[in-house]
């Protein structure tokens, strides 16, 4: 779905990988709306399903949960928590 050039142009793109069951991860992407032509605000899907849809999540860097408040995605994460509580 995304070519390498487009993926490289998303400097603040981040997502969470959550272990649901052994060897299967859920992807929670709060910044997918940064990608041109991708008309979803949030992705929350099984990583292998995304791979089959040719949507690949390959990290360049990893940020620990404790460091998220210093990350540009922090406001989106807080918004997600508020929406989940409602």
N, C-alpha and C. Protein backbone atom coordinates (compact mmCIF):
# COMPACT_ATOMS: atom_id res chain seq x y z
N UNK A 1 0.82 -1.19 0.00
CA UNK A 1 0.00 0.00 0.00
C UNK A 1 0.86 1.25 0.00
N UNK A 2 1.93 1.25 0.76
CA UNK A 2 2.81 2.42 0.81
C UNK A 2 4.15 2.05 0.20
N UNK A 3 4.67 2.94 -0.64
CA UNK A 3 5.99 2.68 -1.19
C UNK A 3 7.05 3.17 -0.20
N UNK A 4 8.29 2.77 -0.45
CA UNK A 4 9.37 3.12 0.48
C UNK A 4 9.57 4.61 0.61
N UNK A 5 9.44 5.37 -0.51
CA UNK A 5 9.63 6.82 -0.45
C UNK A 5 8.62 7.46 0.48
N UNK A 6 7.37 7.03 0.40
CA UNK A 6 6.34 7.62 1.25
C UNK A 6 6.61 7.29 2.71
N UNK A 7 6.97 6.06 2.99
CA UNK A 7 7.24 5.66 4.37
C UNK A 7 8.39 6.47 4.95
N UNK A 8 9.40 6.76 4.14
CA UNK A 8 10.54 7.53 4.61
C UNK A 8 10.17 8.97 4.94
N UNK A 9 9.08 9.47 4.40
CA UNK A 9 8.68 10.86 4.60
C UNK A 9 7.70 11.04 5.75
N UNK A 10 7.67 10.11 6.67
CA UNK A 10 6.79 10.21 7.84
C UNK A 10 7.67 10.25 9.10
N UNK A 11 8.31 11.38 9.36
CA UNK A 11 9.29 11.44 10.44
C UNK A 11 8.72 11.22 11.84
N UNK A 12 7.47 11.58 12.09
CA UNK A 12 6.89 11.41 13.41
C UNK A 12 5.93 10.23 13.46
N UNK A 13 5.99 9.38 12.48
CA UNK A 13 5.07 8.25 12.43
C UNK A 13 5.46 7.24 13.51
N UNK A 14 4.50 6.86 14.29
CA UNK A 14 4.77 5.85 15.31
C UNK A 14 3.52 5.04 15.54
N UNK A 15 3.69 3.92 16.17
CA UNK A 15 2.59 3.01 16.47
C UNK A 15 2.98 2.16 17.66
N UNK A 16 2.00 1.51 18.23
CA UNK A 16 2.23 0.57 19.33
C UNK A 16 2.06 -0.84 18.80
N UNK A 17 2.91 -1.74 19.23
CA UNK A 17 2.75 -3.16 18.95
C UNK A 17 2.42 -3.83 20.27
N UNK A 18 1.28 -4.49 20.30
CA UNK A 18 0.77 -5.10 21.53
C UNK A 18 0.71 -6.60 21.34
N UNK A 19 1.36 -7.35 22.23
CA UNK A 19 1.31 -8.80 22.14
C UNK A 19 -0.04 -9.28 22.63
N UNK A 20 -0.80 -9.89 21.73
CA UNK A 20 -2.13 -10.39 22.07
C UNK A 20 -2.05 -11.87 22.46
N UNK A 21 -1.48 -12.65 21.59
CA UNK A 21 -1.25 -14.07 21.83
C UNK A 21 0.17 -14.36 21.36
N UNK A 22 0.72 -15.49 21.75
CA UNK A 22 2.10 -15.78 21.32
C UNK A 22 2.27 -15.66 19.81
N UNK A 23 3.31 -14.97 19.40
CA UNK A 23 3.70 -14.77 17.99
C UNK A 23 2.66 -14.02 17.17
N UNK A 24 1.76 -13.32 17.81
CA UNK A 24 0.78 -12.51 17.08
C UNK A 24 0.67 -11.17 17.79
N UNK A 25 0.82 -10.09 17.03
CA UNK A 25 0.79 -8.75 17.61
C UNK A 25 -0.35 -7.95 17.02
N UNK A 26 -0.88 -7.08 17.84
CA UNK A 26 -1.83 -6.08 17.37
C UNK A 26 -1.05 -4.80 17.11
N UNK A 27 -1.43 -4.07 16.08
CA UNK A 27 -0.82 -2.78 15.77
C UNK A 27 -1.85 -1.71 16.07
N UNK A 28 -1.45 -0.74 16.87
CA UNK A 28 -2.27 0.44 17.15
C UNK A 28 -1.50 1.63 16.60
N UNK A 29 -2.01 2.18 15.50
CA UNK A 29 -1.34 3.29 14.82
C UNK A 29 -2.20 4.54 14.96
N UNK A 30 -1.70 5.48 15.74
CA UNK A 30 -2.42 6.74 15.98
C UNK A 30 -2.05 7.82 14.99
N UNK A 31 -1.07 7.56 14.13
CA UNK A 31 -0.60 8.59 13.21
C UNK A 31 -0.70 8.15 11.75
N UNK A 32 -1.52 7.16 11.46
CA UNK A 32 -1.62 6.67 10.08
C UNK A 32 -2.19 7.71 9.14
N UNK A 33 -2.86 8.72 9.67
CA UNK A 33 -3.41 9.77 8.81
C UNK A 33 -2.32 10.66 8.20
N UNK A 34 -1.08 10.45 8.59
CA UNK A 34 0.03 11.20 8.00
C UNK A 34 0.33 10.72 6.58
N UNK A 35 -0.04 9.50 6.26
CA UNK A 35 0.29 8.93 4.95
C UNK A 35 -0.70 9.40 3.89
N UNK A 36 -0.18 9.93 2.81
CA UNK A 36 -1.03 10.35 1.69
C UNK A 36 -1.82 9.16 1.17
N UNK A 37 -3.10 9.38 0.89
CA UNK A 37 -3.92 8.34 0.29
C UNK A 37 -4.44 7.29 1.25
N UNK A 38 -4.11 7.41 2.52
CA UNK A 38 -4.60 6.45 3.51
C UNK A 38 -5.69 7.16 4.30
N UNK A 39 -6.93 6.76 4.10
CA UNK A 39 -8.06 7.52 4.64
C UNK A 39 -8.60 6.96 5.94
N UNK A 40 -7.73 6.50 6.80
CA UNK A 40 -8.15 6.05 8.13
C UNK A 40 -7.45 6.91 9.16
N UNK A 41 -8.15 7.17 10.26
CA UNK A 41 -7.54 7.97 11.32
C UNK A 41 -6.73 7.11 12.28
N UNK A 42 -7.18 5.90 12.52
CA UNK A 42 -6.52 4.99 13.46
C UNK A 42 -6.53 3.59 12.88
N UNK A 43 -5.43 2.86 13.05
CA UNK A 43 -5.36 1.44 12.72
C UNK A 43 -5.26 0.68 14.03
N UNK A 44 -6.09 -0.34 14.18
CA UNK A 44 -6.00 -1.24 15.32
C UNK A 44 -6.35 -2.63 14.79
N UNK A 45 -5.31 -3.34 14.33
CA UNK A 45 -5.50 -4.62 13.66
C UNK A 45 -4.36 -5.57 13.97
N UNK A 46 -4.61 -6.83 13.68
CA UNK A 46 -3.58 -7.85 13.82
C UNK A 46 -2.51 -7.61 12.76
N UNK A 47 -1.26 -7.64 13.17
CA UNK A 47 -0.15 -7.32 12.27
C UNK A 47 -0.12 -8.24 11.05
N UNK A 48 -0.39 -9.52 11.22
CA UNK A 48 -0.35 -10.44 10.08
C UNK A 48 -1.46 -10.11 9.07
N UNK A 49 -2.61 -9.61 9.54
CA UNK A 49 -3.68 -9.19 8.62
C UNK A 49 -3.24 -7.96 7.82
N UNK A 50 -2.54 -7.05 8.49
CA UNK A 50 -2.01 -5.87 7.80
C UNK A 50 -0.98 -6.28 6.75
N UNK A 51 -0.11 -7.23 7.11
CA UNK A 51 0.88 -7.71 6.15
C UNK A 51 0.20 -8.28 4.91
N UNK A 52 -0.86 -9.05 5.10
CA UNK A 52 -1.58 -9.62 3.97
C UNK A 52 -2.21 -8.52 3.10
N UNK A 53 -2.56 -7.40 3.71
CA UNK A 53 -3.10 -6.26 2.97
C UNK A 53 -1.99 -5.37 2.40
N UNK A 54 -0.73 -5.82 2.54
CA UNK A 54 0.45 -5.09 2.06
C UNK A 54 0.63 -3.75 2.78
N UNK A 55 0.28 -3.74 4.05
CA UNK A 55 0.53 -2.58 4.91
C UNK A 55 1.55 -3.06 5.93
N UNK A 56 2.78 -2.61 5.80
CA UNK A 56 3.87 -3.13 6.60
C UNK A 56 4.30 -2.12 7.67
N UNK A 57 4.52 -2.62 8.84
CA UNK A 57 5.03 -1.83 9.96
C UNK A 57 6.42 -2.36 10.31
N UNK A 58 7.43 -1.61 9.90
CA UNK A 58 8.82 -1.98 10.14
C UNK A 58 9.47 -0.81 10.86
N UNK A 59 9.79 -0.97 12.14
CA UNK A 59 10.33 0.17 12.91
C UNK A 59 11.77 0.51 12.55
N UNK A 60 12.07 1.80 12.54
CA UNK A 60 13.45 2.27 12.44
C UNK A 60 14.02 2.44 13.84
N UNK A 61 13.18 2.89 14.76
CA UNK A 61 13.56 3.09 16.16
C UNK A 61 12.43 2.57 17.03
N UNK A 62 12.77 2.26 18.24
CA UNK A 62 11.75 1.87 19.22
C UNK A 62 11.82 2.82 20.40
N UNK A 63 10.65 3.19 20.94
CA UNK A 63 10.57 4.08 22.09
C UNK A 63 9.88 3.30 23.21
N UNK A 64 10.48 3.33 24.35
CA UNK A 64 9.88 2.66 25.50
C UNK A 64 8.66 3.45 25.98
N UNK A 65 7.71 2.77 26.58
CA UNK A 65 6.48 3.40 27.07
C UNK A 65 6.81 4.57 28.00
N UNK A 66 7.80 4.42 28.84
CA UNK A 66 8.17 5.48 29.79
C UNK A 66 8.62 6.76 29.08
N UNK A 67 9.07 6.65 27.83
CA UNK A 67 9.55 7.82 27.09
C UNK A 67 8.47 8.47 26.22
N UNK A 68 7.27 7.90 26.18
CA UNK A 68 6.21 8.45 25.34
C UNK A 68 5.83 9.89 25.67
N UNK A 69 5.80 10.32 26.95
CA UNK A 69 5.42 11.72 27.22
C UNK A 69 6.34 12.74 26.55
N UNK A 70 7.54 12.36 26.19
CA UNK A 70 8.47 13.26 25.52
C UNK A 70 8.36 13.16 23.99
N UNK A 71 7.46 12.30 23.50
CA UNK A 71 7.34 12.03 22.07
C UNK A 71 6.20 12.86 21.46
N UNK A 72 6.32 13.27 20.19
CA UNK A 72 5.26 14.06 19.56
C UNK A 72 3.90 13.35 19.50
N UNK A 73 3.85 12.05 19.66
CA UNK A 73 2.58 11.32 19.58
C UNK A 73 1.80 11.37 20.90
N UNK A 74 2.40 11.87 21.94
CA UNK A 74 1.78 11.86 23.27
C UNK A 74 0.37 12.46 23.27
N UNK A 75 0.09 13.61 22.64
CA UNK A 75 -1.28 14.14 22.65
C UNK A 75 -2.29 13.19 22.01
N UNK A 76 -1.90 12.49 20.96
CA UNK A 76 -2.81 11.52 20.32
C UNK A 76 -3.07 10.34 21.24
N UNK A 77 -2.06 9.91 21.94
CA UNK A 77 -2.21 8.80 22.88
C UNK A 77 -3.18 9.21 24.00
N UNK A 78 -3.05 10.42 24.51
CA UNK A 78 -3.96 10.89 25.55
C UNK A 78 -5.40 10.97 25.03
N UNK A 79 -5.56 11.43 23.79
CA UNK A 79 -6.88 11.50 23.18
C UNK A 79 -7.49 10.11 23.07
N UNK A 80 -6.71 9.12 22.70
CA UNK A 80 -7.19 7.74 22.63
C UNK A 80 -7.66 7.27 24.00
N UNK A 81 -6.89 7.54 25.03
CA UNK A 81 -7.29 7.13 26.38
C UNK A 81 -8.60 7.78 26.80
N UNK A 82 -8.76 9.07 26.49
CA UNK A 82 -10.01 9.77 26.82
C UNK A 82 -11.21 9.17 26.08
N UNK A 83 -11.01 8.86 24.81
CA UNK A 83 -12.10 8.27 24.01
C UNK A 83 -12.44 6.88 24.50
N UNK A 84 -11.48 6.13 24.98
CA UNK A 84 -11.74 4.78 25.47
C UNK A 84 -12.50 4.85 26.81
N UNK A 85 -12.27 5.90 27.59
CA UNK A 85 -12.91 6.04 28.89
C UNK A 85 -14.36 6.50 28.76
N UNK A 86 -14.68 7.12 27.63
CA UNK A 86 -16.04 7.68 27.44
C UNK A 86 -17.07 6.59 27.17
